[in-house]
């Protein structure tokens, strides 16, 4: 999963995560935020 190309919108990612695993939304949200932090502070 390479988001460094800029083809990984946060809103689209969160929408996909929430639709794929609504039962794990909290965990997925945390992982998404963590990934975004890694991308921004890489």
N, C-alpha and C. Protein backbone atom coordinates (compact mmCIF):
# COMPACT_ATOMS: atom_id res chain seq x y z
N UNK A 1 0.85 -1.20 0.00
CA UNK A 1 0.00 0.00 0.00
C UNK A 1 0.88 1.24 0.00
N UNK A 2 1.07 1.82 -1.16
CA UNK A 2 1.94 2.99 -1.29
C UNK A 2 1.11 4.24 -1.50
N UNK A 3 1.01 5.08 -0.46
CA UNK A 3 0.21 6.31 -0.54
C UNK A 3 1.09 7.51 -0.84
N UNK A 4 2.39 7.29 -1.02
CA UNK A 4 3.29 8.41 -1.27
C UNK A 4 3.04 9.05 -2.63
N UNK A 5 2.28 8.35 -3.51
CA UNK A 5 2.00 8.89 -4.83
C UNK A 5 0.88 9.91 -4.78
N UNK A 6 0.24 10.05 -3.63
CA UNK A 6 -0.83 11.02 -3.48
C UNK A 6 -2.17 10.49 -3.94
N UNK A 7 -2.25 9.19 -4.21
CA UNK A 7 -3.51 8.60 -4.69
C UNK A 7 -4.23 7.88 -3.56
N UNK A 8 -4.15 8.45 -2.36
CA UNK A 8 -4.76 7.81 -1.19
C UNK A 8 -5.47 8.85 -0.33
N UNK A 9 -6.61 9.38 -0.82
CA UNK A 9 -7.38 10.39 -0.07
C UNK A 9 -7.83 9.86 1.28
N UNK A 10 -7.69 10.68 2.31
CA UNK A 10 -8.06 10.27 3.66
C UNK A 10 -9.55 9.96 3.76
N UNK A 11 -10.38 10.81 3.16
CA UNK A 11 -11.83 10.61 3.25
C UNK A 11 -12.24 9.30 2.57
N UNK A 12 -11.63 9.01 1.42
CA UNK A 12 -11.95 7.77 0.72
C UNK A 12 -11.49 6.57 1.52
N UNK A 13 -10.32 6.68 2.13
CA UNK A 13 -9.79 5.59 2.94
C UNK A 13 -10.68 5.29 4.13
N UNK A 14 -11.11 6.36 4.82
CA UNK A 14 -11.98 6.17 5.99
C UNK A 14 -13.32 5.59 5.57
N UNK A 15 -13.84 6.03 4.42
CA UNK A 15 -15.12 5.52 3.95
C UNK A 15 -15.00 4.03 3.65
N UNK A 16 -13.89 3.63 3.01
CA UNK A 16 -13.67 2.22 2.69
C UNK A 16 -13.54 1.40 3.97
N UNK A 17 -12.77 1.92 4.92
CA UNK A 17 -12.56 1.22 6.18
C UNK A 17 -13.88 1.02 6.92
N UNK A 18 -14.69 2.08 6.97
CA UNK A 18 -15.95 2.00 7.72
C UNK A 18 -16.94 1.05 7.04
N UNK A 19 -16.87 0.96 5.71
CA UNK A 19 -17.79 0.08 4.99
C UNK A 19 -17.33 -1.37 5.03
N UNK A 20 -16.00 -1.58 5.08
CA UNK A 20 -15.47 -2.94 5.09
C UNK A 20 -15.54 -3.56 6.48
N UNK A 21 -15.32 -2.75 7.50
CA UNK A 21 -15.30 -3.30 8.86
C UNK A 21 -15.91 -2.33 9.85
N UNK A 22 -17.23 -2.18 9.79
CA UNK A 22 -17.92 -1.26 10.69
C UNK A 22 -17.83 -1.74 12.14
N UNK A 23 -17.67 -3.05 12.31
CA UNK A 23 -17.58 -3.61 13.66
C UNK A 23 -16.22 -3.32 14.29
N UNK A 24 -15.26 -2.96 13.44
CA UNK A 24 -13.92 -2.65 13.94
C UNK A 24 -13.55 -1.21 13.61
N UNK A 25 -14.57 -0.36 13.51
CA UNK A 25 -14.35 1.03 13.09
C UNK A 25 -13.35 1.73 14.00
N UNK A 26 -13.48 1.52 15.31
CA UNK A 26 -12.57 2.18 16.24
C UNK A 26 -11.12 1.80 15.98
N UNK A 27 -10.85 0.50 15.89
CA UNK A 27 -9.50 0.02 15.66
C UNK A 27 -8.99 0.47 14.30
N UNK A 28 -9.84 0.35 13.27
CA UNK A 28 -9.45 0.74 11.93
C UNK A 28 -9.16 2.24 11.86
N UNK A 29 -9.97 3.03 12.57
CA UNK A 29 -9.76 4.48 12.59
C UNK A 29 -8.41 4.81 13.20
N UNK A 30 -8.09 4.14 14.30
CA UNK A 30 -6.81 4.37 14.96
C UNK A 30 -5.66 4.00 14.03
N UNK A 31 -5.79 2.87 13.35
CA UNK A 31 -4.74 2.44 12.42
C UNK A 31 -4.61 3.42 11.26
N UNK A 32 -5.75 3.92 10.76
CA UNK A 32 -5.72 4.88 9.66
C UNK A 32 -5.02 6.16 10.08
N UNK A 33 -5.38 6.67 11.26
CA UNK A 33 -4.76 7.90 11.76
C UNK A 33 -3.26 7.69 11.96
N UNK A 34 -2.90 6.52 12.49
CA UNK A 34 -1.48 6.21 12.71
C UNK A 34 -0.73 6.19 11.39
N UNK A 35 -1.35 5.59 10.35
CA UNK A 35 -0.72 5.53 9.03
C UNK A 35 -0.55 6.93 8.46
N UNK A 36 -1.57 7.77 8.62
CA UNK A 36 -1.50 9.15 8.13
C UNK A 36 -0.37 9.90 8.82
N UNK A 37 -0.23 9.69 10.13
CA UNK A 37 0.86 10.33 10.87
C UNK A 37 2.21 9.89 10.32
N UNK A 38 2.35 8.60 10.02
CA UNK A 38 3.60 8.09 9.46
C UNK A 38 3.88 8.74 8.12
N UNK A 39 2.84 8.91 7.30
CA UNK A 39 3.02 9.51 5.98
C UNK A 39 3.43 10.97 6.09
N UNK A 40 2.82 11.70 7.01
CA UNK A 40 3.10 13.13 7.16
C UNK A 40 4.44 13.39 7.82
N UNK A 41 4.84 12.51 8.75
CA UNK A 41 6.07 12.73 9.49
C UNK A 41 7.19 11.80 9.05
N UNK A 42 7.05 11.22 7.86
CA UNK A 42 8.07 10.31 7.36
C UNK A 42 9.35 11.07 7.04
